[in-house]
Amino acid sequence: MSIALKEVTIQVPANVIASGMDAEKLQEGMILLLFQQNKLSEQQACQILKLTRREFEALLPTYGFALMDSDALTLEQELYA
Protein backbone atom coordinates (compact mmCIF):
# COMPACT_ATOMS: atom_id res chain seq x y z
CA MET A 1 0.00 0.00 0.00
CA SER A 2 1.40 3.36 -1.02
CA ILE A 3 1.20 6.44 1.19
CA ALA A 4 0.16 9.80 -0.26
CA LEU A 5 2.95 12.22 0.61
CA LYS A 6 2.95 16.00 0.65
CA GLU A 7 6.14 18.02 0.52
CA VAL A 8 6.64 20.48 3.38
CA THR A 9 9.22 23.24 3.66
CA ILE A 10 10.65 24.18 7.05
CA GLN A 11 13.13 26.80 8.14
CA VAL A 12 15.98 25.97 10.49
CA PRO A 13 18.84 28.13 11.75
CA ALA A 14 21.92 28.13 9.52
CA ASN A 15 24.08 26.76 12.33
CA VAL A 16 21.94 23.59 12.40
CA ILE A 17 22.78 22.91 8.76
CA ALA A 18 26.42 23.95 9.32
CA SER A 19 26.66 21.38 12.13
CA GLY A 20 26.04 18.58 9.61
CA MET A 21 22.27 18.20 9.94
CA ASP A 22 21.05 17.70 6.38
CA ALA A 23 17.52 17.41 4.96
CA GLU A 24 17.63 13.60 5.19
CA LYS A 25 18.47 13.66 8.90
CA LEU A 26 15.75 16.26 9.54
CA GLN A 27 13.23 14.05 7.75
CA GLU A 28 14.34 10.99 9.73
CA GLY A 29 13.93 12.87 12.99
CA MET A 30 10.49 14.17 12.04
CA ILE A 31 9.25 10.75 10.92
CA LEU A 32 10.54 9.12 14.11
CA LEU A 33 8.85 11.81 16.20
CA LEU A 34 5.56 11.23 14.37
CA PHE A 35 5.96 7.49 14.94
CA GLN A 36 6.59 7.97 18.68
CA GLN A 37 3.49 10.19 18.89
CA ASN A 38 1.43 7.45 17.20
CA LYS A 39 0.76 9.64 14.16
CA LEU A 40 2.45 7.09 11.88
CA SER A 41 2.59 3.31 12.05
CA GLU A 42 5.91 1.52 11.89
CA GLN A 43 5.00 0.33 8.41
CA GLN A 44 4.26 3.88 7.24
CA ALA A 45 7.49 5.20 8.76
CA CYS A 46 9.51 2.43 7.09
CA GLN A 47 7.85 3.12 3.76
CA ILE A 48 8.52 6.87 3.91
CA LEU A 49 12.14 6.41 4.96
CA LYS A 50 12.64 3.47 2.57
CA LEU A 51 13.94 1.27 5.38
CA THR A 52 13.34 -2.31 6.39
CA ARG A 53 11.71 -2.89 9.76
CA ARG A 54 15.06 -3.94 11.23
CA GLU A 55 16.79 -0.82 9.87
CA PHE A 56 14.00 1.35 11.29
CA GLU A 57 14.20 -0.32 14.70
CA ALA A 58 17.99 0.18 14.74
CA LEU A 59 17.49 3.88 13.95
CA LEU A 60 15.17 4.58 16.90
CA PRO A 61 17.81 4.62 19.68
CA THR A 62 20.11 6.88 17.65
CA TYR A 63 17.45 9.58 18.07
CA GLY A 64 16.79 8.73 21.71
CA PHE A 65 13.55 6.80 21.14
CA ALA A 66 12.70 3.46 22.71
CA LEU A 67 11.89 0.55 20.46
CA MET A 68 8.70 -0.28 22.32
CA ASP A 69 6.17 1.84 24.15
CA SER A 70 5.39 0.47 27.60
CA ASP A 71 1.66 0.95 27.06
CA ALA A 72 -0.10 -2.38 27.69
CA LEU A 73 -2.20 -2.20 24.53
CA THR A 74 0.88 -1.52 22.42
CA LEU A 75 2.72 -4.42 24.04
CA GLU A 76 -0.21 -6.73 23.36
CA GLN A 77 -0.42 -5.60 19.73
CA GLU A 78 3.33 -6.16 19.24
CA LEU A 79 3.10 -9.59 20.84
CA TYR A 80 0.50 -10.71 18.29
CA ALA A 81 1.94 -8.83 15.27
C-alpha atoms as a PDB file:
ATOM      1  CA  MET A   1       0.000   0.000   0.000  1.00  0.00           C
ATOM      2  CA  SER A   2       1.403   3.357  -1.022  1.00  0.00           C
ATOM      3  CA  ILE A   3       1.204   6.442   1.185  1.00  0.00           C
ATOM      4  CA  ALA A   4       0.160   9.796  -0.263  1.00  0.00           C
ATOM      5  CA  LEU A   5       2.945  12.218   0.609  1.00  0.00           C
ATOM      6  CA  LYS A   6       2.954  15.996   0.648  1.00  0.00           C
ATOM      7  CA  GLU A   7       6.145  18.016   0.523  1.00  0.00           C
ATOM      8  CA  VAL A   8       6.642  20.483   3.382  1.00  0.00           C
ATOM      9  CA  THR A   9       9.222  23.239   3.664  1.00  0.00           C
ATOM     10  CA  ILE A  10      10.654  24.183   7.050  1.00  0.00           C
ATOM     11  CA  GLN A  11      13.130  26.804   8.138  1.00  0.00           C
ATOM     12  CA  VAL A  12      15.976  25.974  10.488  1.00  0.00           C
ATOM     13  CA  PRO A  13      18.844  28.128  11.754  1.00  0.00           C
ATOM     14  CA  ALA A  14      21.921  28.129   9.517  1.00  0.00           C
ATOM     15  CA  ASN A  15      24.085  26.755  12.329  1.00  0.00           C
ATOM     16  CA  VAL A  16      21.942  23.589  12.400  1.00  0.00           C
ATOM     17  CA  ILE A  17      22.779  22.906   8.758  1.00  0.00           C
ATOM     18  CA  ALA A  18      26.419  23.948   9.321  1.00  0.00           C
ATOM     19  CA  SER A  19      26.656  21.382  12.132  1.00  0.00           C
ATOM     20  CA  GLY A  20      26.044  18.576   9.614  1.00  0.00           C
ATOM     21  CA  MET A  21      22.271  18.204   9.935  1.00  0.00           C
ATOM     22  CA  ASP A  22      21.049  17.705   6.378  1.00  0.00           C
ATOM     23  CA  ALA A  23      17.522  17.413   4.960  1.00  0.00           C
ATOM     24  CA  GLU A  24      17.629  13.605   5.186  1.00  0.00           C
ATOM     25  CA  LYS A  25      18.466  13.659   8.902  1.00  0.00           C
ATOM     26  CA  LEU A  26      15.751  16.259   9.538  1.00  0.00           C
ATOM     27  CA  GLN A  27      13.229  14.047   7.752  1.00  0.00           C
ATOM     28  CA  GLU A  28      14.340  10.992   9.733  1.00  0.00           C
ATOM     29  CA  GLY A  29      13.926  12.869  12.988  1.00  0.00           C
ATOM     30  CA  MET A  30      10.493  14.173  12.041  1.00  0.00           C
ATOM     31  CA  ILE A  31       9.246  10.755  10.919  1.00  0.00           C
ATOM     32  CA  LEU A  32      10.537   9.121  14.109  1.00  0.00           C
ATOM     33  CA  LEU A  33       8.846  11.809  16.199  1.00  0.00           C
ATOM     34  CA  LEU A  34       5.555  11.227  14.373  1.00  0.00           C
ATOM     35  CA  PHE A  35       5.956   7.488  14.944  1.00  0.00           C
ATOM     36  CA  GLN A  36       6.587   7.972  18.677  1.00  0.00           C
ATOM     37  CA  GLN A  37       3.492  10.189  18.889  1.00  0.00           C
ATOM     38  CA  ASN A  38       1.427   7.446  17.197  1.00  0.00           C
ATOM     39  CA  LYS A  39       0.761   9.636  14.161  1.00  0.00           C
ATOM     40  CA  LEU A  40       2.455   7.090  11.879  1.00  0.00           C
ATOM     41  CA  SER A  41       2.586   3.310  12.051  1.00  0.00           C
ATOM     42  CA  GLU A  42       5.905   1.519  11.895  1.00  0.00           C
ATOM     43  CA  GLN A  43       4.997   0.327   8.408  1.00  0.00           C
ATOM     44  CA  GLN A  44       4.264   3.885   7.237  1.00  0.00           C
ATOM     45  CA  ALA A  45       7.495   5.199   8.758  1.00  0.00           C
ATOM     46  CA  CYS A  46       9.506   2.433   7.087  1.00  0.00           C
ATOM     47  CA  GLN A  47       7.847   3.120   3.765  1.00  0.00           C
ATOM     48  CA  ILE A  48       8.516   6.865   3.911  1.00  0.00           C
ATOM     49  CA  LEU A  49      12.143   6.413   4.962  1.00  0.00           C
ATOM     50  CA  LYS A  50      12.642   3.473   2.568  1.00  0.00           C
ATOM     51  CA  LEU A  51      13.943   1.268   5.383  1.00  0.00           C
ATOM     52  CA  THR A  52      13.340  -2.313   6.395  1.00  0.00           C
ATOM     53  CA  ARG A  53      11.709  -2.894   9.763  1.00  0.00           C
ATOM     54  CA  ARG A  54      15.059  -3.944  11.229  1.00  0.00           C
ATOM     55  CA  GLU A  55      16.792  -0.820   9.874  1.00  0.00           C
ATOM     56  CA  PHE A  56      14.003   1.347  11.287  1.00  0.00           C
ATOM     57  CA  GLU A  57      14.204  -0.321  14.703  1.00  0.00           C
ATOM     58  CA  ALA A  58      17.990   0.179  14.742  1.00  0.00           C
ATOM     59  CA  LEU A  59      17.495   3.876  13.953  1.00  0.00           C
ATOM     60  CA  LEU A  60      15.167   4.585  16.905  1.00  0.00           C
ATOM     61  CA  PRO A  61      17.807   4.624  19.679  1.00  0.00           C
ATOM     62  CA  THR A  62      20.109   6.883  17.654  1.00  0.00           C
ATOM     63  CA  TYR A  63      17.447   9.583  18.072  1.00  0.00           C
ATOM     64  CA  GLY A  64      16.792   8.734  21.706  1.00  0.00           C
ATOM     65  CA  PHE A  65      13.550   6.804  21.138  1.00  0.00           C
ATOM     66  CA  ALA A  66      12.699   3.464  22.712  1.00  0.00           C
ATOM     67  CA  LEU A  67      11.887   0.546  20.458  1.00  0.00           C
ATOM     68  CA  MET A  68       8.695  -0.285  22.318  1.00  0.00           C
ATOM     69  CA  ASP A  69       6.173   1.836  24.152  1.00  0.00           C
ATOM     70  CA  SER A  70       5.394   0.471  27.597  1.00  0.00           C
ATOM     71  CA  ASP A  71       1.663   0.951  27.059  1.00  0.00           C
ATOM     72  CA  ALA A  72      -0.104  -2.378  27.694  1.00  0.00           C
ATOM     73  CA  LEU A  73      -2.199  -2.201  24.532  1.00  0.00           C
ATOM     74  CA  THR A  74       0.883  -1.519  22.416  1.00  0.00           C
ATOM     75  CA  LEU A  75       2.718  -4.421  24.035  1.00  0.00           C
ATOM     76  CA  GLU A  76      -0.207  -6.733  23.361  1.00  0.00           C
ATOM     77  CA  GLN A  77      -0.420  -5.605  19.728  1.00  0.00           C
ATOM     78  CA  GLU A  78       3.327  -6.163  19.239  1.00  0.00           C
ATOM     79  CA  LEU A  79       3.096  -9.591  20.843  1.00  0.00           C
ATOM     80  CA  TYR A  80       0.501 -10.712  18.290  1.00  0.00           C
ATOM     81  CA  ALA A  81       1.941  -8.829  15.269  1.00  0.00           C
END
